[in-house]
Amino acid sequence: MQKPLANAVLPLALALALAAGLAPAAHAALGQPKEQNGVTYISGGVGMDEQNAMRALRADYNLQLTFATKQTGAYRSDVQLDIADARGASVLSVANTGPLFYAKLPPGTYRISAAAEGKTFKRTVRLGNAPKEMILHWENDSPDDPGVQD
C-alpha cells in the first residue's frame, strides 16, 4: 500500500522542485522586475525564451496583460500603457511595453489605457489577489471600455 503513495508523491515533489527552480531562471532571462509607485511589474515576451520565462512567473502577478495585433497571435511590444486607480490617480506609466505585461497591484479597481498605432484601448478591471488575464487585440477588439471586468 505504501508503494502507490510513494509513486504519487515523488512526481509531485519533482514537479514542485522544478517549478521552484524556474523562477530564478525566468528572472535572469528577463532581467529584474521593475517598480513604479510601489508597484512591481515585468514586461517582455519577445521570442519564445522570454515568453516561457514570463509564463513561469505569471502566478506572482495579479494583472496579466497580453497585447496582440491579430487573433492568430501576432504580438506587439510597442504599447504605451497607463494604469490609474479608481480615483484617476496614475499608478503606472510604461512606454514600449509588451507583448506580455504583468503587475502586482493592490486589490482594487483600475483603469487601463493601452495605446499603439493611434488606437487606445480603455478597460476597467477589478483586481483581487488572484491573477486576472486580459488580452487586447488591436485589429479585432473594440477600444471602448466594456465596463468593470471582474
Foldseek 3Di string as FASTA:
>chain_A
DVVVVVVVVVVVVVVVVVLVVLQVVLCVVQPHWDADQRKTKGFDDDDDSNVVSCVSCQFQFQEKEAEAADPVGHGAQQKFKWKAFPVRHTHDTDGRGDRIMGMHDAFHKMWMWIDDPHQIAIEIEGTHSGHDYDYDHNVPDDSYYPDYDD
